[in-house]
Amino acid sequence: QVQLVESGGGLVQAGGSLRVSCAASGRTFSSYAMGWFRQAPGKEREFVAGIRRSGGATYADSVQGRFTISRDSAKNTVHLQMNSLKPGDTAVYYCAAKQFRLTTIPAQYDYWGQGTQVTVSS
């Protein structure tokens, strides 16, 4: 069992930066691929970024070059640094975990956090 708790959301102006974090419980954090997803009102949940057990990262085209995902295995934490934010980035951001291979499909993730709101004003 893995429990995930997100933090760090908030309100920021367009062009600004924000970092959201995800703290994971459990002693097997290193065996999980971690993903960040987001969901805006009326839209489906979409993949934002993911990080493999090895540390390799994958990003959605819409955030490539602006967002950076990282993991701290010693602290069982995953971060998403978001720069050059746009109003279109406004959504609830969710952290998710799945064993072994990283994927971009929400249904393939086993554990989810409660989400944290990110709002980017124009």
Protein backbone atom coordinates (compact mmCIF):
# COMPACT_ATOMS: atom_id res chain seq x y z
CA GLN A 1 0.00 0.00 0.00
CA VAL A 2 1.25 3.46 -0.92
CA GLN A 3 -0.21 6.74 0.27
CA LEU A 4 0.49 9.92 -1.65
CA VAL A 5 0.07 13.47 -0.38
CA GLU A 6 0.52 16.47 -2.67
CA SER A 7 1.43 19.96 -1.57
CA GLY A 8 2.57 23.26 -3.03
CA GLY A 9 -0.30 24.28 -5.27
CA GLY A 10 -1.58 27.84 -5.37
CA LEU A 11 -2.24 30.93 -7.43
CA VAL A 12 0.43 32.41 -9.68
CA GLN A 13 0.52 34.92 -12.50
CA ALA A 14 1.25 33.88 -16.06
CA GLY A 15 4.97 33.56 -16.61
CA GLY A 16 5.58 32.68 -12.99
CA SER A 17 6.83 29.52 -11.34
CA LEU A 18 5.47 27.03 -8.85
CA ARG A 19 6.67 23.75 -7.41
CA VAL A 20 4.34 20.98 -6.36
CA SER A 21 5.53 18.05 -4.29
CA CYS A 22 4.30 14.56 -3.54
CA ALA A 23 5.25 12.71 -0.37
CA ALA A 24 4.90 8.94 -0.52
CA SER A 25 4.58 6.53 2.36
CA GLY A 26 5.91 3.00 2.33
CA ARG A 27 9.32 1.42 2.16
CA THR A 28 9.15 0.36 -1.50
CA PHE A 29 9.09 3.82 -3.06
CA SER A 30 12.06 2.98 -5.25
CA SER A 31 10.10 0.22 -7.02
CA TYR A 32 7.45 2.64 -8.29
CA ALA A 33 7.34 4.81 -11.36
CA MET A 34 5.81 8.16 -10.46
CA GLY A 35 3.62 10.37 -12.57
CA TRP A 36 2.04 13.79 -12.42
CA PHE A 37 -1.33 14.25 -14.04
CA ARG A 38 -3.71 17.18 -14.20
CA GLN A 39 -7.39 17.67 -14.71
CA ALA A 40 -9.10 20.91 -15.65
CA PRO A 41 -12.86 21.41 -15.23
CA GLY A 42 -14.79 19.58 -17.94
CA LYS A 43 -11.70 17.86 -19.26
CA GLU A 44 -10.21 14.41 -18.92
CA ARG A 45 -7.26 13.74 -16.69
CA GLU A 46 -4.06 14.07 -18.69
CA PHE A 47 -0.46 13.03 -18.27
CA VAL A 48 1.95 15.85 -17.48
CA ALA A 49 5.25 14.25 -16.52
CA GLY A 50 6.61 10.98 -15.22
CA ILE A 51 9.82 9.68 -13.76
CA ARG A 52 11.13 6.15 -13.91
CA ARG A 53 12.68 4.20 -11.10
CA SER A 54 16.04 4.89 -12.76
CA GLY A 55 15.38 8.64 -12.74
CA GLY A 56 14.66 9.01 -16.44
CA ALA A 57 11.83 11.43 -17.19
CA THR A 58 9.10 11.80 -19.80
CA TYR A 59 7.02 14.91 -20.44
CA ALA A 60 3.88 15.83 -22.28
CA ASP A 61 4.57 17.99 -25.32
CA SER A 62 2.59 20.83 -23.79
CA VAL A 63 5.01 21.17 -20.84
CA GLN A 64 8.30 20.05 -22.40
CA GLY A 65 10.98 22.60 -21.64
CA ARG A 66 8.91 24.35 -18.95
CA PHE A 67 8.34 21.64 -16.33
CA THR A 68 10.90 19.45 -14.59
CA ILE A 69 10.12 16.34 -12.58
CA SER A 70 12.53 14.95 -10.00
CA ARG A 71 12.52 12.36 -7.27
CA ASP A 72 14.31 12.15 -3.94
CA SER A 73 14.38 8.48 -2.98
CA ALA A 74 15.90 9.21 0.42
CA LYS A 75 12.84 11.33 1.30
CA ASN A 76 10.27 9.36 -0.71
CA THR A 77 9.32 12.56 -2.50
CA VAL A 78 8.62 13.61 -6.06
CA HIS A 79 8.66 17.22 -7.20
CA LEU A 80 7.31 18.99 -10.23
CA GLN A 81 8.95 22.33 -10.92
CA MET A 82 6.74 24.41 -13.19
CA ASN A 83 8.18 27.46 -14.94
CA SER A 84 6.76 29.87 -17.52
CA LEU A 85 3.27 28.97 -16.41
CA LYS A 86 0.33 29.70 -18.68
CA PRO A 87 -3.37 30.08 -17.93
CA GLY A 88 -3.85 26.79 -19.79
CA ASP A 89 -1.86 25.05 -17.05
CA THR A 90 -4.66 25.74 -14.57
CA ALA A 91 -5.91 22.43 -13.18
CA VAL A 92 -5.90 20.12 -10.22
CA TYR A 93 -2.56 18.34 -10.22
CA TYR A 94 -2.40 14.73 -9.08
CA CYS A 95 0.53 12.56 -8.12
CA ALA A 96 0.29 8.87 -8.97
CA ALA A 97 2.37 5.74 -8.52
CA LYS A 98 2.59 2.46 -10.36
CA GLN A 99 4.91 -0.45 -10.05
CA PHE A 100 7.67 -1.00 -12.55
CA ARG A 101 7.26 0.58 -16.00
CA LEU A 102 6.32 4.22 -16.49
CA THR A 103 3.28 4.86 -18.66
CA THR A 104 1.20 7.91 -19.58
CA ILE A 105 -2.20 6.22 -19.08
CA PRO A 106 -4.02 7.19 -15.88
CA ALA A 107 -5.93 3.91 -15.60
CA GLN A 108 -2.66 2.00 -15.29
CA TYR A 109 -1.66 3.74 -12.09
CA ASP A 110 -2.32 2.01 -8.80
CA TYR A 111 -2.21 4.84 -6.28
CA TRP A 112 -3.31 8.47 -6.38
CA GLY A 113 -3.02 11.49 -4.18
CA GLN A 114 -5.88 13.81 -3.38
CA GLY A 115 -4.72 16.52 -5.77
CA THR A 116 -3.58 20.11 -5.39
CA GLN A 117 -5.03 23.10 -7.20
CA VAL A 118 -2.81 25.17 -9.47
CA THR A 119 -4.31 28.37 -10.84
CA VAL A 120 -2.50 30.59 -13.33
CA SER A 121 -3.96 34.05 -13.85
CA SER A 122 -3.51 36.02 -17.03
